[in-house]
Amino acid sequence: MIFVDDGSTDATFDRLRGLHERDPRVRAVRFKRNFGQHPAMHAGLARARGARIVTMDGDLQNEPEDVPRLLEALARVDVASGRRVGRKDSVSRTLPSRLINTLLRRFTGVPISDFGCAFNAYRRDAIVPLLGSIGRQKFTKALVLASGASVEEVDVSHAAAGGGSRYSPLRLARLALHVLVGFWPQPVQWIGATLGFVCTLAAAALGAYGLGYWVANANFPGPLFAGAGIVLVLGVQGFVLALIGEYLGRIQRDVEGRPLYAIEEEL
């Protein structure tokens, strides 16, 4: 068992030290600070030695009793994908999650229903070739499945998070942008082409309407329609700039070569 302590401020690592002293098969990694779920996932996967690997969050929403079901499915495929049944999250958490799942199904071509569940089982040979990308790419399961790994979904139990979800609507929106940048080839080009097409149609429609209104009433409400069009275009441009910002952030991180995490202690 490999525990990754992502910069906790309580007695977590002391508990892990006690477990390790009683049984050296229990291993632990302590980050210097909180680096996030996905770098922590990389730290665990990079240290796993077995031919079969099970990943699980530490928020007590999953039940270890479901592990045998995942391993049973893993005998047939490369990835046993956990599918949360009876989710206990709020609507503000589940609705953005559905959007992200829809985007990932579209861009990876893999028809599973729950990309966000971190309770999964993997064959080691499906993980090792992708360790250079795992952690930088926030959806480990989607990354592995997009490489061509076979998959079978397994229903797993799901409980409400004791401390509430740390994924706010804003953070989920940033994840959606990450999906677009990470899994959709050339999104800016597609959005630019769509923007040009839509704006052209809108301009033609407004022009025709304005001409008809001018002829019928001798009074064209130009400022109103011009303002609405400008706001619409600015909104879409803002979305495009957000995507470009995500790209530039990735390029900066890759150029700087910063590590995903810094380790304080390892047992």
C-alpha atoms as a PDB file:
ATOM      1  CA  MET A   1       0.000   0.000   0.000  1.00  0.00           C
ATOM      2  CA  ILE A   2       1.346   3.402  -1.013  1.00  0.00           C
ATOM      3  CA  PHE A   3      -0.044   6.496   0.719  1.00  0.00           C
ATOM      4  CA  VAL A   4       0.707   9.951  -0.668  1.00  0.00           C
ATOM      5  CA  ASP A   5       0.343  12.728   1.910  1.00  0.00           C
ATOM      6  CA  ASP A   6      -0.369  15.821  -0.181  1.00  0.00           C
ATOM      7  CA  GLY A   7       0.851  18.400   2.319  1.00  0.00           C
ATOM      8  CA  SER A   8      -1.565  17.648   5.167  1.00  0.00           C
ATOM      9  CA  THR A   9      -1.380  19.778   8.323  1.00  0.00           C
ATOM     10  CA  ASP A  10      -2.777  17.213  10.772  1.00  0.00           C
ATOM     11  CA  ALA A  11      -1.366  13.958  12.169  1.00  0.00           C
ATOM     12  CA  THR A  12      -1.743  12.009   8.921  1.00  0.00           C
ATOM     13  CA  PHE A  13       1.932  11.284   8.366  1.00  0.00           C
ATOM     14  CA  ASP A  14       2.472  10.269  12.001  1.00  0.00           C
ATOM     15  CA  ARG A  15      -0.283   7.671  11.558  1.00  0.00           C
ATOM     16  CA  LEU A  16       1.355   6.483   8.340  1.00  0.00           C
ATOM     17  CA  ARG A  17       4.734   6.228  10.067  1.00  0.00           C
ATOM     18  CA  GLY A  18       3.179   3.988  12.709  1.00  0.00           C
ATOM     19  CA  LEU A  19       1.627   1.751  10.030  1.00  0.00           C
ATOM     20  CA  HIS A  20       4.947   1.536   8.185  1.00  0.00           C
ATOM     21  CA  GLU A  21       6.846   0.572  11.357  1.00  0.00           C
ATOM     22  CA  ARG A  22       4.419  -2.286  11.991  1.00  0.00           C
ATOM     23  CA  ASP A  23       4.394  -3.457   8.372  1.00  0.00           C
ATOM     24  CA  PRO A  24       7.047  -2.274   5.860  1.00  0.00           C
ATOM     25  CA  ARG A  25       4.737  -3.157   2.971  1.00  0.00           C
ATOM     26  CA  VAL A  26       2.914   0.064   3.890  1.00  0.00           C
ATOM     27  CA  ARG A  27       4.843   2.849   2.171  1.00  0.00           C
ATOM     28  CA  ALA A  28       4.301   6.596   2.397  1.00  0.00           C
ATOM     29  CA  VAL A  29       5.350   9.756   0.577  1.00  0.00           C
ATOM     30  CA  ARG A  30       5.029  13.189   2.143  1.00  0.00           C
ATOM     31  CA  PHE A  31       4.960  16.308  -0.049  1.00  0.00           C
ATOM     32  CA  LYS A  32       6.544  19.540   1.176  1.00  0.00           C
ATOM     33  CA  ARG A  33       3.241  21.309   0.523  1.00  0.00           C
ATOM     34  CA  ASN A  34      -0.092  20.693  -1.156  1.00  0.00           C
ATOM     35  CA  PHE A  35       0.528  20.090  -4.871  1.00  0.00           C
ATOM     36  CA  GLY A  36      -2.892  18.685  -5.790  1.00  0.00           C
ATOM     37  CA  GLN A  37      -4.587  15.406  -6.577  1.00  0.00           C
ATOM     38  CA  HIS A  38      -2.961  14.736  -9.933  1.00  0.00           C
ATOM     39  CA  PRO A  39       0.715  15.152  -8.935  1.00  0.00           C
ATOM     40  CA  ALA A  40      -0.092  12.974  -5.917  1.00  0.00           C
ATOM     41  CA  MET A  41      -1.506  10.356  -8.279  1.00  0.00           C
ATOM     42  CA  HIS A  42       1.757  10.426 -10.248  1.00  0.00           C
ATOM     43  CA  ALA A  43       3.819   9.977  -7.074  1.00  0.00           C
ATOM     44  CA  GLY A  44       1.875   6.841  -6.188  1.00  0.00           C
ATOM     45  CA  LEU A  45       1.836   5.339  -9.666  1.00  0.00           C
ATOM     46  CA  ALA A  46       5.553   5.965 -10.184  1.00  0.00           C
ATOM     47  CA  ARG A  47       6.327   3.993  -7.011  1.00  0.00           C
ATOM     48  CA  ALA A  48       3.927   1.112  -7.567  1.00  0.00           C
ATOM     49  CA  ARG A  49       5.708  -2.212  -8.118  1.00  0.00           C
ATOM     50  CA  GLY A  50       2.857  -4.614  -8.772  1.00  0.00           C
ATOM     51  CA  ALA A  51       1.554  -5.863 -12.105  1.00  0.00           C
ATOM     52  CA  ARG A  52      -1.905  -4.590 -11.079  1.00  0.00           C
ATOM     53  CA  ILE A  53      -2.456  -1.161  -9.549  1.00  0.00           C
ATOM     54  CA  VAL A  54      -5.553   0.187  -7.787  1.00  0.00           C
ATOM     55  CA  THR A  55      -5.932   3.954  -7.250  1.00  0.00           C
ATOM     56  CA  MET A  56      -8.190   5.498  -4.615  1.00  0.00           C
ATOM     57  CA  ASP A  57      -8.749   8.983  -3.205  1.00  0.00           C
ATOM     58  CA  GLY A  58      -8.327   9.474   0.527  1.00  0.00           C
ATOM     59  CA  ASP A  59     -11.613  11.327   1.097  1.00  0.00           C
ATOM     60  CA  LEU A  60     -13.471   8.201   2.327  1.00  0.00           C
ATOM     61  CA  GLN A  61     -16.020   8.367  -0.497  1.00  0.00           C
ATOM     62  CA  ASN A  62     -14.989   4.942  -1.833  1.00  0.00           C
ATOM     63  CA  GLU A  63     -15.174   1.570  -0.086  1.00  0.00           C
ATOM     64  CA  PRO A  64     -12.126  -0.751  -0.119  1.00  0.00           C
ATOM     65  CA  GLU A  65     -14.577  -3.678  -0.239  1.00  0.00           C
ATOM     66  CA  ASP A  66     -15.038  -2.862  -3.950  1.00  0.00           C
ATOM     67  CA  VAL A  67     -11.367  -3.548  -4.774  1.00  0.00           C
ATOM     68  CA  PRO A  68     -11.940  -7.280  -5.591  1.00  0.00           C
ATOM     69  CA  ARG A  69     -14.609  -6.296  -8.122  1.00  0.00           C
ATOM     70  CA  LEU A  70     -12.162  -4.005  -9.883  1.00  0.00           C
ATOM     71  CA  LEU A  71      -9.470  -6.701  -9.925  1.00  0.00           C
ATOM     72  CA  GLU A  72     -11.930  -9.245 -11.292  1.00  0.00           C
ATOM     73  CA  ALA A  73     -12.661  -6.980 -14.262  1.00  0.00           C
ATOM     74  CA  LEU A  74      -8.947  -6.252 -14.686  1.00  0.00           C
ATOM     75  CA  ALA A  75      -8.405  -9.911 -15.532  1.00  0.00           C
ATOM     76  CA  ARG A  76     -10.229  -9.213 -18.816  1.00  0.00           C
ATOM     77  CA  VAL A  77      -9.101  -5.684 -19.745  1.00  0.00           C
ATOM     78  CA  ASP A  78      -6.289  -3.149 -19.259  1.00  0.00           C
ATOM     79  CA  VAL A  79      -8.355  -0.733 -17.152  1.00  0.00           C
ATOM     80  CA  ALA A  80     -11.194  -1.434 -14.727  1.00  0.00           C
ATOM     81  CA  SER A  81     -12.971   1.911 -14.586  1.00  0.00           C
ATOM     82  CA  GLY A  82     -14.902   2.746 -11.423  1.00  0.00           C
ATOM     83  CA  ARG A  83     -18.399   4.099 -12.042  1.00  0.00           C
ATOM     84  CA  ARG A  84     -19.927   5.860  -9.043  1.00  0.00           C
ATOM     85  CA  VAL A  85     -23.491   4.750  -8.348  1.00  0.00           C
ATOM     86  CA  GLY A  86     -25.821   6.726  -6.127  1.00  0.00           C
ATOM     87  CA  ARG A  87     -23.519   9.762  -6.090  1.00  0.00           C
ATOM     88  CA  LYS A  88     -23.867  11.886  -2.952  1.00  0.00           C
ATOM     89  CA  ASP A  89     -22.436  15.091  -4.400  1.00  0.00           C
ATOM     90  CA  SER A  90     -24.461  18.285  -4.801  1.00  0.00           C
ATOM     91  CA  VAL A  91     -26.019  19.424  -8.080  1.00  0.00           C
ATOM     92  CA  SER A  92     -23.372  22.153  -8.408  1.00  0.00           C
ATOM     93  CA  ARG A  93     -20.783  19.356  -8.425  1.00  0.00           C
ATOM     94  CA  THR A  94     -22.543  16.767 -10.592  1.00  0.00           C
ATOM     95  CA  LEU A  95     -23.717  19.045 -13.434  1.00  0.00           C
ATOM     96  CA  PRO A  96     -20.215  20.335 -14.355  1.00  0.00           C
ATOM     97  CA  SER A  97     -18.959  16.768 -13.940  1.00  0.00           C
ATOM     98  CA  ARG A  98     -21.456  15.593 -16.560  1.00  0.00           C
ATOM     99  CA  LEU A  99     -20.248  18.292 -18.944  1.00  0.00           C
ATOM    100  CA  ILE A 100     -16.614  17.253 -18.480  1.00  0.00           C
ATOM    101  CA  ASN A 101     -17.522  13.584 -18.988  1.00  0.00           C
ATOM    102  CA  THR A 102     -19.328  14.493 -22.212  1.00  0.00           C
ATOM    103  CA  LEU A 103     -16.291  16.404 -23.488  1.00  0.00           C
ATOM    104  CA  LEU A 104     -13.926  13.551 -22.641  1.00  0.00           C
ATOM    105  CA  ARG A 105     -16.146  10.965 -24.348  1.00  0.00           C
ATOM    106  CA  ARG A 106     -16.198  13.163 -27.427  1.00  0.00           C
ATOM    107  CA  PHE A 107     -12.453  13.840 -27.576  1.00  0.00           C
ATOM    108  CA  THR A 108     -11.090  10.438 -26.494  1.00  0.00           C
ATOM    109  CA  GLY A 109     -13.654   8.338 -28.369  1.00  0.00           C
ATOM    110  CA  VAL A 110     -14.019   6.099 -25.285  1.00  0.00           C
ATOM    111  CA  PRO A 111     -17.720   5.593 -24.357  1.00  0.00           C
ATOM    112  CA  ILE A 112     -17.454   5.314 -20.569  1.00  0.00           C
ATOM    113  CA  SER A 113     -19.720   7.292 -18.261  1.00  0.00           C
ATOM    114  CA  ASP A 114     -17.448   8.382 -15.384  1.00  0.00           C
ATOM    115  CA  PHE A 115     -13.996   9.733 -16.218  1.00  0.00           C
ATOM    116  CA  GLY A 116     -13.817  11.610 -12.921  1.00  0.00           C
ATOM    117  CA  CYS A 117     -13.864   8.571 -10.627  1.00  0.00           C
ATOM    118  CA  ALA A 118     -10.347   8.028  -9.231  1.00  0.00           C
ATOM    119  CA  PHE A 119     -11.210   4.555  -7.879  1.00  0.00           C
ATOM    120  CA  ASN A 120      -9.838   2.398 -10.699  1.00  0.00           C
ATOM    121  CA  ALA A 121      -7.579  -0.559 -11.425  1.00  0.00           C
ATOM    122  CA  TYR A 122      -4.847  -0.570 -14.082  1.00  0.00           C
ATOM    123  CA  ARG A 123      -2.464  -3.079 -15.566  1.00  0.00           C
ATOM    124  CA  ARG A 124       1.042  -1.820 -14.939  1.00  0.00           C
ATOM    125  CA  ASP A 125       2.028  -2.036 -18.600  1.00  0.00           C
ATOM    126  CA  ALA A 126      -0.782   0.432 -19.443  1.00  0.00           C
ATOM    127  CA  ILE A 127       0.566   2.977 -16.950  1.00  0.00           C
ATOM    128  CA  VAL A 128       4.360   2.894 -17.339  1.00  0.00           C
ATOM    129  CA  PRO A 129       4.579   4.320 -20.908  1.00  0.00           C
ATOM    130  CA  LEU A 130       2.543   7.359 -19.824  1.00  0.00           C
ATOM    131  CA  LEU A 131       4.292   8.297 -16.576  1.00  0.00           C
ATOM    132  CA  GLY A 132       5.891  11.296 -18.293  1.00  0.00           C
ATOM    133  CA  SER A 133       2.438  12.783 -18.935  1.00  0.00           C
ATOM    134  CA  ILE A 134       0.487  11.606 -15.880  1.00  0.00           C
ATOM    135  CA  GLY A 135       0.240  14.409 -13.361  1.00  0.00           C
ATOM    136  CA  ARG A 136       0.701  17.126 -15.941  1.00  0.00           C
ATOM    137  CA  GLN A 137      -2.437  15.871 -17.666  1.00  0.00           C
ATOM    138  CA  LYS A 138      -5.190  16.084 -15.046  1.00  0.00           C
ATOM    139  CA  PHE A 139      -7.258  13.095 -16.186  1.00  0.00           C
ATOM    140  CA  THR A 140      -5.123   9.998 -15.701  1.00  0.00           C
ATOM    141  CA  LYS A 141      -7.836   7.556 -16.713  1.00  0.00           C
ATOM    142  CA  ALA A 142      -8.704   9.496 -19.871  1.00  0.00           C
ATOM    143  CA  LEU A 143      -5.018   9.701 -20.799  1.00  0.00           C
ATOM    144  CA  VAL A 144      -4.552   5.940 -20.433  1.00  0.00           C
ATOM    145  CA  LEU A 145      -7.744   5.102 -22.320  1.00  0.00           C
ATOM    146  CA  ALA A 146      -6.928   7.552 -25.128  1.00  0.00           C
ATOM    147  CA  SER A 147      -3.734   5.545 -25.736  1.00  0.00           C
ATOM    148  CA  GLY A 148      -5.847   2.545 -26.764  1.00  0.00           C
ATOM    149  CA  ALA A 149      -6.132   0.594 -23.510  1.00  0.00           C
ATOM    150  CA  SER A 150      -9.156  -1.684 -23.222  1.00  0.00           C
ATOM    151  CA  VAL A 151     -11.662  -0.833 -20.494  1.00  0.00           C
ATOM    152  CA  GLU A 152     -14.590  -2.242 -18.567  1.00  0.00           C
ATOM    153  CA  GLU A 153     -16.748  -0.193 -16.206  1.00  0.00           C
ATOM    154  CA  VAL A 154     -17.407  -1.455 -12.688  1.00  0.00           C
ATOM    155  CA  ASP A 155     -20.081  -0.016 -10.384  1.00  0.00           C
ATOM    156  CA  VAL A 156     -18.566   1.152  -7.091  1.00  0.00           C
ATOM    157  CA  SER A 157     -20.169   2.626  -3.988  1.00  0.00           C
ATOM    158  CA  HIS A 158     -19.977   6.350  -3.339  1.00  0.00           C
ATOM    159  CA  ALA A 159     -20.498   8.272  -0.112  1.00  0.00           C
ATOM    160  CA  ALA A 160     -20.725  11.976   0.599  1.00  0.00           C
ATOM    161  CA  ALA A 161     -17.409  13.701   1.288  1.00  0.00           C
ATOM    162  CA  GLY A 162     -16.964  14.326   4.989  1.00  0.00           C
ATOM    163  CA  GLY A 163     -15.433  17.768   4.496  1.00  0.00           C
ATOM    164  CA  GLY A 164     -17.337  18.718   1.370  1.00  0.00           C
ATOM    165  CA  SER A 165     -16.012  18.713  -2.184  1.00  0.00           C
ATOM    166  CA  ARG A 166     -12.920  20.809  -2.882  1.00  0.00           C
ATOM    167  CA  TYR A 167     -13.982  21.140  -6.515  1.00  0.00           C
ATOM    168  CA  SER A 168     -15.810  24.471  -6.670  1.00  0.00           C
ATOM    169  CA  PRO A 169     -17.727  25.498  -9.826  1.00  0.00           C
ATOM    170  CA  LEU A 170     -14.795  27.769 -10.763  1.00  0.00           C
ATOM    171  CA  ARG A 171     -12.310  24.938 -10.366  1.00  0.00           C
ATOM    172  CA  LEU A 172     -14.523  22.657 -12.445  1.00  0.00           C
ATOM    173  CA  ALA A 173     -14.670  25.342 -15.150  1.00  0.00           C
ATOM    174  CA  ARG A 174     -10.862  25.389 -15.201  1.00  0.00           C
ATOM    175  CA  LEU A 175     -10.884  21.610 -15.518  1.00  0.00           C
ATOM    176  CA  ALA A 176     -13.189  21.928 -18.533  1.00  0.00           C
ATOM    177  CA  LEU A 177     -10.651  24.253 -20.157  1.00  0.00           C
ATOM    178  CA  HIS A 178      -7.938  21.716 -19.360  1.00  0.00           C
ATOM    179  CA  VAL A 179      -9.961  19.018 -21.119  1.00  0.00           C
ATOM    180  CA  LEU A 180     -10.307  21.182 -24.222  1.00  0.00           C
ATOM    181  CA  VAL A 181      -6.588  21.937 -24.330  1.00  0.00           C
ATOM    182  CA  GLY A 182      -5.417  18.454 -23.404  1.00  0.00           C
ATOM    183  CA  PHE A 183      -7.705  16.280 -25.508  1.00  0.00           C
ATOM    184  CA  TRP A 184      -9.076  18.433 -28.330  1.00  0.00           C
ATOM    185  CA  PRO A 185      -6.561  18.961 -31.148  1.00  0.00           C
ATOM    186  CA  GLN A 186      -6.376  22.548 -32.427  1.00  0.00           C
ATOM    187  CA  PRO A 187      -9.333  23.941 -30.454  1.00  0.00           C
ATOM    188  CA  VAL A 188      -8.447  27.589 -31.130  1.00  0.00           C
ATOM    189  CA  GLN A 189      -8.609  27.004 -34.875  1.00  0.00           C
ATOM    190  CA  TRP A 190     -11.991  25.302 -34.582  1.00  0.00           C
ATOM    191  CA  ILE A 191     -13.377  28.005 -32.326  1.00  0.00           C
ATOM    192  CA  GLY A 192     -12.031  30.735 -34.609  1.00  0.00           C
ATOM    193  CA  ALA A 193     -13.643  29.138 -37.651  1.00  0.00           C
ATOM    194  CA  THR A 194     -16.929  28.673 -35.819  1.00  0.00           C
ATOM    195  CA  LEU A 195     -16.818  32.256 -34.551  1.00  0.00           C
ATOM    196  CA  GLY A 196     -16.269  33.574 -38.067  1.00  0.00           C
ATOM    197  CA  PHE A 197     -19.118  31.461 -39.450  1.00  0.00           C
ATOM    198  CA  VAL A 198     -21.567  32.422 -36.716  1.00  0.00           C
ATOM    199  CA  CYS A 199     -20.667  36.105 -36.839  1.00  0.00           C
ATOM    200  CA  THR A 200     -21.072  36.151 -40.603  1.00  0.00           C
ATOM    201  CA  LEU A 201     -24.529  34.589 -40.368  1.00  0.00           C
ATOM    202  CA  ALA A 202     -25.491  36.930 -37.526  1.00  0.00           C
ATOM    203  CA  ALA A 203     -24.296  39.971 -39.458  1.00  0.00           C
ATOM    204  CA  ALA A 204     -26.263  38.887 -42.539  1.00  0.00           C
ATOM    205  CA  ALA A 205     -29.393  38.236 -40.475  1.00  0.00           C
ATOM    206  CA  LEU A 206     -29.157  41.578 -38.667  1.00  0.00           C
ATOM    207  CA  GLY A 207     -28.513  43.366 -41.930  1.00  0.00           C
ATOM    208  CA  ALA A 208     -31.570  41.813 -43.541  1.00  0.00           C
ATOM    209  CA  TYR A 209     -33.711  42.546 -40.497  1.00  0.00           C
ATOM    210  CA  GLY A 210     -32.420  46.096 -40.281  1.00  0.00           C
ATOM    211  CA  LEU A 211     -33.117  46.697 -43.937  1.00  0.00           C
ATOM    212  CA  GLY A 212     -36.661  45.363 -43.597  1.00  0.00           C
ATOM    213  CA  TYR A 213     -37.314  47.345 -40.418  1.00  0.00           C
ATOM    214  CA  TRP A 214     -35.892  50.502 -41.993  1.00  0.00           C
ATOM    215  CA  VAL A 215     -38.101  50.156 -45.042  1.00  0.00           C
ATOM    216  CA  ALA A 216     -41.225  49.347 -42.993  1.00  0.00           C
ATOM    217  CA  ASN A 217     -40.791  51.860 -40.166  1.00  0.00           C
ATOM    218  CA  ALA A 218     -38.192  54.315 -41.402  1.00  0.00           C
ATOM    219  CA  ASN A 219     -36.328  53.823 -38.110  1.00  0.00           C
ATOM    220  CA  PHE A 220     -33.541  51.290 -37.660  1.00  0.00           C
ATOM    221  CA  PRO A 221     -32.496  50.588 -33.949  1.00  0.00           C
ATOM    222  CA  GLY A 222     -28.840  50.256 -34.813  1.00  0.00           C
ATOM    223  CA  PRO A 223     -27.183  50.962 -31.439  1.00  0.00           C
ATOM    224  CA  LEU A 224     -29.110  48.190 -29.694  1.00  0.00           C
ATOM    225  CA  PHE A 225     -28.194  45.503 -32.173  1.00  0.00           C
ATOM    226  CA  ALA A 226     -24.638  46.757 -32.533  1.00  0.00           C
ATOM    227  CA  GLY A 227     -24.143  46.612 -28.767  1.00  0.00           C
ATOM    228  CA  ALA A 228     -25.562  43.078 -28.515  1.00  0.00           C
ATOM    229  CA  GLY A 229     -23.296  41.919 -31.328  1.00  0.00           C
ATOM    230  CA  ILE A 230     -20.212  43.470 -29.750  1.00  0.00           C
ATOM    231  CA  VAL A 231     -20.948  41.860 -26.377  1.00  0.00           C
ATOM    232  CA  LEU A 232     -21.446  38.466 -28.011  1.00  0.00           C
ATOM    233  CA  VAL A 233     -18.176  38.705 -29.919  1.00  0.00           C
ATOM    234  CA  LEU A 234     -16.300  39.864 -26.823  1.00  0.00           C
ATOM    235  CA  GLY A 235     -17.678  36.928 -24.842  1.00  0.00           C
ATOM    236  CA  VAL A 236     -16.487  34.401 -27.384  1.00  0.00           C
ATOM    237  CA  GLN A 237     -13.125  36.150 -27.634  1.00  0.00           C
ATOM    238  CA  GLY A 238     -12.801  35.871 -23.872  1.00  0.00           C
ATOM    239  CA  PHE A 239     -13.304  32.104 -24.102  1.00  0.00           C
ATOM    240  CA  VAL A 240     -10.675  31.871 -26.836  1.00  0.00           C
ATOM    241  CA  LEU A 241      -8.251  33.912 -24.744  1.00  0.00           C
ATOM    242  CA  ALA A 242      -8.866  31.567 -21.804  1.00  0.00           C
ATOM    243  CA  LEU A 243      -7.849  28.625 -23.985  1.00  0.00           C
ATOM    244  CA  ILE A 244      -4.760  30.482 -25.192  1.00  0.00           C
ATOM    245  CA  GLY A 245      -3.897  31.257 -21.586  1.00  0.00           C
ATOM    246  CA  GLU A 246      -4.069  27.560 -20.716  1.00  0.00           C
ATOM    247  CA  TYR A 247      -1.759  26.774 -23.629  1.00  0.00           C
ATOM    248  CA  LEU A 248       0.738  29.457 -22.605  1.00  0.00           C
ATOM    249  CA  GLY A 249       0.688  28.209 -19.010  1.00  0.00           C
ATOM    250  CA  ARG A 250       1.503  24.690 -20.175  1.00  0.00           C
ATOM    251  CA  ILE A 251       4.307  25.931 -22.431  1.00  0.00           C
ATOM    252  CA  GLN A 252       5.778  27.951 -19.557  1.00  0.00           C
ATOM    253  CA  ARG A 253       5.734  24.961 -17.200  1.00  0.00           C
ATOM    254  CA  ASP A 254       7.339  22.705 -19.805  1.00  0.00           C
ATOM    255  CA  VAL A 255      10.024  25.252 -20.697  1.00  0.00           C
ATOM    256  CA  GLU A 256      10.896  25.860 -17.057  1.00  0.00           C
ATOM    257  CA  GLY A 257      11.012  22.123 -16.412  1.00  0.00           C
ATOM    258  CA  ARG A 258       9.585  22.513 -12.932  1.00  0.00           C
ATOM    259  CA  PRO A 259       9.022  19.248 -11.029  1.00  0.00           C
ATOM    260  CA  LEU A 260       5.454  18.147 -10.370  1.00  0.00           C
ATOM    261  CA  TYR A 261       6.069  17.997  -6.646  1.00  0.00           C
ATOM    262  CA  ALA A 262       8.729  18.188  -3.938  1.00  0.00           C
ATOM    263  CA  ILE A 263       9.057  15.377  -1.393  1.00  0.00           C
ATOM    264  CA  GLU A 264       9.621  16.108   2.287  1.00  0.00           C
ATOM    265  CA  GLU A 265       9.979  12.499   3.426  1.00  0.00           C
ATOM    266  CA  GLU A 266       9.506   8.998   2.086  1.00  0.00           C
ATOM    267  CA  LEU A 267       9.012   5.768   3.987  1.00  0.00           C
END
